[in-house]
C-alpha atoms as a PDB file:
ATOM      1  CA  MET A   1     -16.580-118.605  40.689  1.00  0.00           C
ATOM      2  CA  SER A   2     -13.002-119.221  41.674  1.00  0.00           C
ATOM      3  CA  ASP A   3     -13.578-121.875  44.362  1.00  0.00           C
ATOM      4  CA  GLU A   4     -14.730-125.163  42.816  1.00  0.00           C
ATOM      5  CA  SER A   5     -16.420-126.230  46.058  1.00  0.00           C
ATOM      6  CA  VAL A   6     -18.674-123.152  46.356  1.00  0.00           C
ATOM      7  CA  PHE A   7     -22.123-123.315  44.779  1.00  0.00           C
ATOM      8  CA  GLU A   8     -24.678-120.517  44.887  1.00  0.00           C
ATOM      9  CA  GLY A   9     -28.233-120.128  43.754  1.00  0.00           C
ATOM     10  CA  GLY A  10     -31.621-118.685  44.521  1.00  0.00           C
ATOM     11  CA  CYS A  11     -35.066-117.793  43.335  1.00  0.00           C
ATOM     12  CA  LEU A  12     -36.243-115.870  40.296  1.00  0.00           C
ATOM     13  CA  CYS A  13     -36.704-112.548  42.109  1.00  0.00           C
ATOM     14  CA  GLY A  14     -33.484-112.832  44.144  1.00  0.00           C
ATOM     15  CA  ALA A  15     -35.107-112.576  47.579  1.00  0.00           C
ATOM     16  CA  VAL A  16     -33.991-116.087  48.588  1.00  0.00           C
ATOM     17  CA  ARG A  17     -30.346-116.962  48.018  1.00  0.00           C
ATOM     18  CA  TYR A  18     -28.171-119.824  49.240  1.00  0.00           C
ATOM     19  CA  ARG A  19     -24.566-120.980  49.287  1.00  0.00           C
ATOM     20  CA  ALA A  20     -23.083-124.457  49.652  1.00  0.00           C
ATOM     21  CA  GLN A  21     -19.383-124.730  50.406  1.00  0.00           C
ATOM     22  CA  ALA A  22     -18.833-128.399  49.551  1.00  0.00           C
ATOM     23  CA  GLN A  23     -19.179-130.672  46.575  1.00  0.00           C
ATOM     24  CA  PRO A  24     -22.645-132.190  46.180  1.00  0.00           C
ATOM     25  CA  VAL A  25     -23.287-135.569  47.781  1.00  0.00           C
ATOM     26  CA  ARG A  26     -25.410-136.673  44.814  1.00  0.00           C
ATOM     27  CA  GLY A  27     -27.830-135.521  42.148  1.00  0.00           C
ATOM     28  CA  VAL A  28     -31.141-137.097  41.240  1.00  0.00           C
ATOM     29  CA  MET A  29     -33.799-136.659  38.566  1.00  0.00           C
ATOM     30  CA  CYS A  30     -37.181-137.425  40.131  1.00  0.00           C
ATOM     31  CA  HIS A  31     -40.176-138.408  38.009  1.00  0.00           C
ATOM     32  CA  CYS A  32     -42.735-138.738  40.839  1.00  0.00           C
ATOM     33  CA  ARG A  33     -46.140-137.086  40.786  1.00  0.00           C
ATOM     34  CA  MET A  34     -45.308-134.799  43.740  1.00  0.00           C
ATOM     35  CA  CYS A  35     -42.156-133.415  42.095  1.00  0.00           C
ATOM     36  CA  ARG A  36     -44.116-132.790  38.898  1.00  0.00           C
ATOM     37  CA  ARG A  37     -46.774-130.876  40.816  1.00  0.00           C
ATOM     38  CA  HIS A  38     -44.203-128.947  42.838  1.00  0.00           C
ATOM     39  CA  SER A  39     -42.228-127.869  39.776  1.00  0.00           C
ATOM     40  CA  GLY A  40     -44.844-127.753  37.029  1.00  0.00           C
ATOM     41  CA  ALA A  41     -42.403-129.784  34.902  1.00  0.00           C
ATOM     42  CA  PRO A  42     -42.363-133.424  33.753  1.00  0.00           C
ATOM     43  CA  ALA A  43     -39.493-134.189  36.181  1.00  0.00           C
ATOM     44  CA  LEU A  44     -37.472-132.348  38.812  1.00  0.00           C
ATOM     45  CA  ALA A  45     -33.697-132.494  39.285  1.00  0.00           C
ATOM     46  CA  PHE A  46     -32.238-132.126  42.778  1.00  0.00           C
ATOM     47  CA  VAL A  47     -28.700-131.931  44.068  1.00  0.00           C
ATOM     48  CA  HIS A  48     -27.892-132.871  47.669  1.00  0.00           C
ATOM     49  CA  PHE A  49     -25.396-130.840  49.714  1.00  0.00           C
ATOM     50  CA  PRO A  50     -24.131-131.702  53.218  1.00  0.00           C
ATOM     51  CA  ILE A  51     -26.171-129.640  55.670  1.00  0.00           C
ATOM     52  CA  GLU A  52     -23.083-128.365  57.506  1.00  0.00           C
ATOM     53  CA  SER A  53     -21.817-126.791  54.262  1.00  0.00           C
ATOM     54  CA  PHE A  54     -25.086-125.026  53.449  1.00  0.00           C
ATOM     55  CA  GLN A  55     -26.546-121.653  54.404  1.00  0.00           C
ATOM     56  CA  TRP A  56     -29.569-119.660  53.340  1.00  0.00           C
ATOM     57  CA  LEU A  57     -28.800-116.018  52.508  1.00  0.00           C
ATOM     58  CA  GLY A  58     -31.319-113.195  52.412  1.00  0.00           C
ATOM     59  CA  GLU A  59     -34.896-114.288  53.005  1.00  0.00           C
ATOM     60  CA  MET A  60     -35.649-117.821  54.089  1.00  0.00           C
ATOM     61  CA  PRO A  61     -37.728-119.986  51.765  1.00  0.00           C
ATOM     62  CA  SER A  62     -41.272-120.906  52.719  1.00  0.00           C
ATOM     63  CA  TRP A  63     -41.917-124.599  53.325  1.00  0.00           C
ATOM     64  CA  PHE A  64     -44.988-126.650  52.509  1.00  0.00           C
ATOM     65  CA  ARG A  65     -45.407-130.049  54.194  1.00  0.00           C
ATOM     66  CA  SER A  66     -46.279-132.146  51.138  1.00  0.00           C
ATOM     67  CA  SER A  67     -46.383-135.455  53.023  1.00  0.00           C
ATOM     68  CA  ALA A  68     -45.811-136.946  56.440  1.00  0.00           C
ATOM     69  CA  ASN A  69     -42.106-137.274  55.573  1.00  0.00           C
ATOM     70  CA  ALA A  70     -41.182-134.288  53.389  1.00  0.00           C
ATOM     71  CA  GLU A  71     -41.447-130.542  52.870  1.00  0.00           C
ATOM     72  CA  ARG A  72     -41.124-128.563  49.639  1.00  0.00           C
ATOM     73  CA  GLY A  73     -39.383-125.174  49.610  1.00  0.00           C
ATOM     74  CA  PHE A  74     -40.293-122.144  47.519  1.00  0.00           C
ATOM     75  CA  CYS A  75     -39.939-118.358  47.459  1.00  0.00           C
ATOM     76  CA  SER A  76     -42.987-116.713  48.998  1.00  0.00           C
ATOM     77  CA  ARG A  77     -42.509-113.662  46.734  1.00  0.00           C
ATOM     78  CA  CYS A  78     -42.043-115.131  43.254  1.00  0.00           C
ATOM     79  CA  GLY A  79     -43.057-118.768  43.809  1.00  0.00           C
ATOM     80  CA  SER A  80     -39.803-120.287  42.540  1.00  0.00           C
ATOM     81  CA  THR A  81     -39.297-123.950  43.351  1.00  0.00           C
ATOM     82  CA  LEU A  82     -36.170-124.173  45.517  1.00  0.00           C
ATOM     83  CA  GLY A  83     -35.835-127.502  47.241  1.00  0.00           C
ATOM     84  CA  MET A  84     -37.051-130.307  49.390  1.00  0.00           C
ATOM     85  CA  ARG A  85     -36.415-131.598  52.896  1.00  0.00           C
ATOM     86  CA  GLU A  86     -36.949-135.239  53.799  1.00  0.00           C
ATOM     87  CA  ASP A  87     -36.980-136.154  57.484  1.00  0.00           C
ATOM     88  CA  VAL A  88     -34.912-139.285  56.836  1.00  0.00           C
ATOM     89  CA  LEU A  89     -32.229-137.215  55.043  1.00  0.00           C
ATOM     90  CA  ALA A  90     -31.703-134.624  57.772  1.00  0.00           C
ATOM     91  CA  ASP A  91     -27.935-134.629  57.109  1.00  0.00           C
ATOM     92  CA  ARG A  92     -28.354-132.814  53.787  1.00  0.00           C
ATOM     93  CA  VAL A  93     -30.146-130.050  51.925  1.00  0.00           C
ATOM     94  CA  GLN A  94     -31.755-130.848  48.582  1.00  0.00           C
ATOM     95  CA  VAL A  95     -31.947-127.922  46.169  1.00  0.00           C
ATOM     96  CA  CYS A  96     -33.471-127.834  42.721  1.00  0.00           C
ATOM     97  CA  ILE A  97     -30.751-127.805  40.099  1.00  0.00           C
ATOM     98  CA  GLY A  98     -32.607-125.147  38.121  1.00  0.00           C
ATOM     99  CA  SER A  99     -32.166-122.739  41.059  1.00  0.00           C
ATOM    100  CA  LEU A 100     -28.353-122.961  40.926  1.00  0.00           C
ATOM    101  CA  ASP A 101     -26.485-120.044  39.352  1.00  0.00           C
ATOM    102  CA  GLU A 102     -24.308-122.550  37.486  1.00  0.00           C
ATOM    103  CA  PRO A 103     -26.349-125.755  37.072  1.00  0.00           C
ATOM    104  CA  ALA A 104     -23.891-127.268  34.584  1.00  0.00           C
ATOM    105  CA  ARG A 105     -21.342-127.665  37.402  1.00  0.00           C
ATOM    106  CA  VAL A 106     -23.316-130.479  39.058  1.00  0.00           C
ATOM    107  CA  ARG A 107     -24.173-133.967  37.874  1.00  0.00           C
ATOM    108  CA  ILE A 108     -27.155-136.262  38.009  1.00  0.00           C
ATOM    109  CA  ASP A 109     -26.409-139.744  39.381  1.00  0.00           C
ATOM    110  CA  ASP A 110     -29.691-141.497  38.665  1.00  0.00           C
ATOM    111  CA  HIS A 111     -33.393-141.271  37.849  1.00  0.00           C
ATOM    112  CA  VAL A 112     -35.946-142.196  40.519  1.00  0.00           C
ATOM    113  CA  TRP A 113     -39.667-142.935  40.412  1.00  0.00           C
ATOM    114  CA  THR A 114     -39.431-143.831  36.739  1.00  0.00           C
ATOM    115  CA  GLY A 115     -42.559-145.936  37.195  1.00  0.00           C
ATOM    116  CA  SER A 116     -44.406-142.600  37.448  1.00  0.00           C
ATOM    117  CA  ARG A 117     -42.614-141.030  34.462  1.00  0.00           C
ATOM    118  CA  VAL A 118     -44.731-139.100  31.964  1.00  0.00           C
ATOM    119  CA  PRO A 119     -44.580-141.418  28.909  1.00  0.00           C
ATOM    120  CA  TRP A 120     -43.601-138.742  26.390  1.00  0.00           C
ATOM    121  CA  PHE A 121     -40.746-137.425  28.598  1.00  0.00           C
ATOM    122  CA  ASP A 122     -37.704-139.624  28.132  1.00  0.00           C
ATOM    123  CA  THR A 123     -34.059-138.748  28.462  1.00  0.00           C
ATOM    124  CA  ARG A 124     -31.446-140.622  26.469  1.00  0.00           C
ATOM    125  CA  ASP A 125     -28.710-140.740  29.092  1.00  0.00           C
ATOM    126  CA  ALA A 126     -27.220-143.980  30.405  1.00  0.00           C
ATOM    127  CA  LEU A 127     -27.788-143.207  34.101  1.00  0.00           C
ATOM    128  CA  PRO A 128     -29.253-145.838  36.427  1.00  0.00           C
ATOM    129  CA  ARG A 129     -33.038-145.830  36.676  1.00  0.00           C
ATOM    130  CA  PHE A 130     -35.153-146.931  39.614  1.00  0.00           C
ATOM    131  CA  GLU A 131     -38.839-147.785  39.464  1.00  0.00           C
ATOM    132  CA  ARG A 132     -39.192-146.224  42.920  1.00  0.00           C
ATOM    133  CA  SER A 133     -36.551-144.782  45.261  1.00  0.00           C
ATOM    134  CA  SER A 134     -32.840-145.160  44.598  1.00  0.00           C
ATOM    135  CA  THR A 135     -30.884-147.658  46.644  1.00  0.00           C
ATOM    136  CA  ALA A 136     -28.234-144.939  47.157  1.00  0.00           C
ATOM    137  CA  VAL A 137     -30.117-143.181  49.971  1.00  0.00           C
ATOM    138  CA  ALA A 138     -32.769-143.971  52.520  1.00  0.00           C
ATOM    139  CA  SER A 139     -36.229-142.643  51.674  1.00  0.00           C
ATOM    140  CA  LEU A 140     -39.700-142.819  53.119  1.00  0.00           C
ATOM    141  CA  ALA A 141     -41.262-141.188  50.062  1.00  0.00           C
ATOM    142  CA  SER A 142     -44.096-142.945  48.322  1.00  0.00           C
ATOM    143  CA  GLY A 143     -44.017-140.942  45.116  1.00  0.00           C
ATOM    144  CA  ASP A 144     -47.612-139.835  45.569  1.00  0.00           C
ATOM    145  CA  ASP A 145     -47.341-137.921  48.832  1.00  0.00           C
END
């Protein structure tokens, strides 16, 4: 990509695509039970883009209300995990870093819900870690819903 502020991604089958035309607000590695269940992985990395810079291309993702405060996005054709929406963070779109075409272009700022971390999954980075939610953004998540 020639423009450093354009990020694109999508699902495994290509039906759902997206484009963000701004640098990410932040990146987070979540270790909560809900993210594990949503992704099938021991943790799930998200990057946050300003909502005004973001657009869905092609088919829209399907959304599952996983709690009173959040929805999880996925492709209804191939099942790919695509993102999350939290009511309290309505100013941004959270997409799964693994769905980006070029995931190495973004960064992770911190680890959240480390109190729920699978004991055998441990990264050796020096990023800040939070037992529950990060102090960087508002959240109503409980880690279990």
